[in-house]
Amino acid sequence: MSSEIKVIADAMLEKKAQDVVSLDLTKIGTAIADDFVICNADSTTQVVAISDNVEEKMDMVCGRSPIRKQGRENAFWVILDYGDIVVHIFKTDQRLFYRLEDLWADAVKTTYTD
């Protein structure tokens, strides 16, 4: 696990994100990134707070800003694209609907807790 993934997971957990996991996609040849970090929250307000904290910690600790970001306007699914790492912050019902972990079931999964 890279130190950047740990920074992201810790930033999520600081804001009470639920079911924080990372997926190592490096052995999957068609993957768009090396790693996904995924979590969910029950409210759009919390989704935005988690997103803000991830961005802030990645900038402060790692000196990195996302290349692209999407989804803040409705906060159902915020994506922060760091190139090699893509962060997915879902509202809980959206995560259950899209089931990213199932789509990338071949990836090595790591779970993070407080």
Protein backbone atom coordinates (compact mmCIF):
# COMPACT_ATOMS: atom_id res chain seq x y z
CA MET A 1 0.00 0.00 0.00
CA SER A 2 1.33 3.39 -0.92
CA SER A 3 1.57 6.16 1.64
CA GLU A 4 -0.78 8.25 -0.54
CA ILE A 5 -3.51 5.63 -0.28
CA LYS A 6 -3.08 5.67 3.50
CA VAL A 7 -3.40 9.49 3.49
CA ILE A 8 -6.61 9.22 1.47
CA ALA A 9 -8.09 6.46 3.65
CA ASP A 10 -7.21 8.32 6.85
CA ALA A 11 -8.77 11.54 5.48
CA MET A 12 -11.96 9.63 4.68
CA LEU A 13 -12.10 8.03 8.12
CA GLU A 14 -11.50 11.40 9.81
CA LYS A 15 -14.83 12.53 8.34
CA LYS A 16 -16.60 9.30 9.37
CA ALA A 17 -16.69 7.69 5.92
CA GLN A 18 -18.16 4.20 5.83
CA ASP A 19 -16.75 1.01 4.30
CA VAL A 20 -13.40 2.50 3.22
CA VAL A 21 -11.57 0.18 0.83
CA SER A 22 -8.80 0.35 -1.74
CA LEU A 23 -8.58 -1.80 -4.84
CA ASP A 24 -5.15 -2.56 -6.27
CA LEU A 25 -5.72 -2.64 -10.03
CA THR A 26 -2.07 -2.99 -11.12
CA LYS A 27 -2.45 -6.62 -12.19
CA ILE A 28 -5.52 -5.84 -14.29
CA GLY A 29 -4.30 -4.81 -17.72
CA THR A 30 -7.36 -2.81 -18.71
CA ALA A 31 -7.59 -0.67 -15.57
CA ILE A 32 -7.61 3.11 -15.91
CA ALA A 33 -5.55 3.63 -12.75
CA ASP A 34 -3.29 1.69 -10.40
CA ASP A 35 -5.64 2.03 -7.43
CA PHE A 36 -9.20 2.97 -6.55
CA VAL A 37 -10.03 4.18 -3.05
CA ILE A 38 -13.76 3.94 -2.32
CA CYS A 39 -16.04 4.96 0.52
CA ASN A 40 -19.59 6.08 1.16
CA ALA A 41 -21.60 8.39 3.41
CA ASP A 42 -25.29 8.74 4.15
CA SER A 43 -25.68 12.43 3.24
CA THR A 44 -24.52 14.68 0.42
CA THR A 45 -23.13 17.10 3.04
CA GLN A 46 -20.88 14.35 4.36
CA VAL A 47 -19.83 13.32 0.83
CA VAL A 48 -18.64 16.89 0.22
CA ALA A 49 -16.88 17.04 3.61
CA ILE A 50 -15.01 13.80 2.88
CA SER A 51 -14.06 15.04 -0.58
CA ASP A 52 -12.78 18.34 0.81
CA ASN A 53 -10.74 16.56 3.49
CA VAL A 54 -9.16 14.15 0.98
CA GLU A 55 -8.17 17.06 -1.27
CA GLU A 56 -6.79 19.05 1.66
CA LYS A 57 -4.75 16.16 3.11
CA MET A 58 -3.38 15.09 -0.28
CA ASP A 59 -2.28 18.67 -0.95
CA MET A 60 -0.77 19.20 2.53
CA VAL A 61 0.89 15.81 3.04
CA CYS A 62 1.66 14.68 -0.52
CA GLY A 63 1.74 17.94 -2.47
CA ARG A 64 -0.81 16.60 -4.96
CA SER A 65 -4.02 18.03 -6.34
CA PRO A 66 -6.51 16.07 -8.43
CA ILE A 67 -6.03 16.22 -12.20
CA ARG A 68 -9.80 16.13 -12.57
CA LYS A 69 -12.75 16.06 -10.20
CA GLN A 70 -16.41 15.48 -10.85
CA GLY A 71 -19.67 15.16 -8.98
CA ARG A 72 -19.47 17.88 -6.33
CA GLU A 73 -22.48 19.68 -7.76
CA ASN A 74 -24.91 16.91 -6.78
CA ALA A 75 -22.62 15.00 -4.33
CA PHE A 76 -24.11 11.58 -5.11
CA TRP A 77 -20.73 10.33 -6.40
CA VAL A 78 -17.61 12.49 -6.22
CA ILE A 79 -14.57 11.38 -8.20
CA LEU A 80 -11.09 12.76 -7.52
CA ASP A 81 -8.66 11.68 -10.23
CA TYR A 82 -5.00 11.75 -9.19
CA GLY A 83 -3.87 9.86 -12.31
CA ASP A 84 -2.54 6.70 -10.70
CA ILE A 85 -5.15 6.81 -7.92
CA VAL A 86 -8.86 7.46 -8.44
CA VAL A 87 -10.94 8.30 -5.38
CA HIS A 88 -14.67 7.47 -5.35
CA ILE A 89 -16.84 8.99 -2.62
CA PHE A 90 -20.41 7.76 -2.90
CA LYS A 91 -23.67 8.56 -1.23
CA THR A 92 -24.58 5.17 0.27
CA ASP A 93 -27.49 4.35 -2.07
CA GLN A 94 -25.39 5.19 -5.14
CA ARG A 95 -22.57 2.92 -3.99
CA LEU A 96 -25.02 0.06 -3.56
CA PHE A 97 -26.41 0.73 -7.04
CA TYR A 98 -23.09 1.00 -8.95
CA ARG A 99 -21.23 -1.74 -7.00
CA LEU A 100 -17.73 -0.81 -8.21
CA GLU A 101 -16.09 -3.52 -6.13
CA ASP A 102 -18.10 -6.14 -8.05
CA LEU A 103 -17.00 -4.69 -11.39
CA TRP A 104 -13.35 -4.91 -10.28
CA ALA A 105 -13.70 -8.21 -8.38
CA ASP A 106 -10.27 -9.43 -9.58
CA ALA A 107 -8.52 -6.57 -7.77
CA VAL A 108 -6.77 -7.03 -4.43
CA LYS A 109 -9.02 -5.37 -1.85
CA THR A 110 -7.83 -3.72 1.38
CA THR A 111 -10.27 -2.52 4.06
CA TYR A 112 -9.52 0.45 6.35
CA THR A 113 -10.96 1.14 9.80
CA ASP A 114 -10.39 3.68 12.54
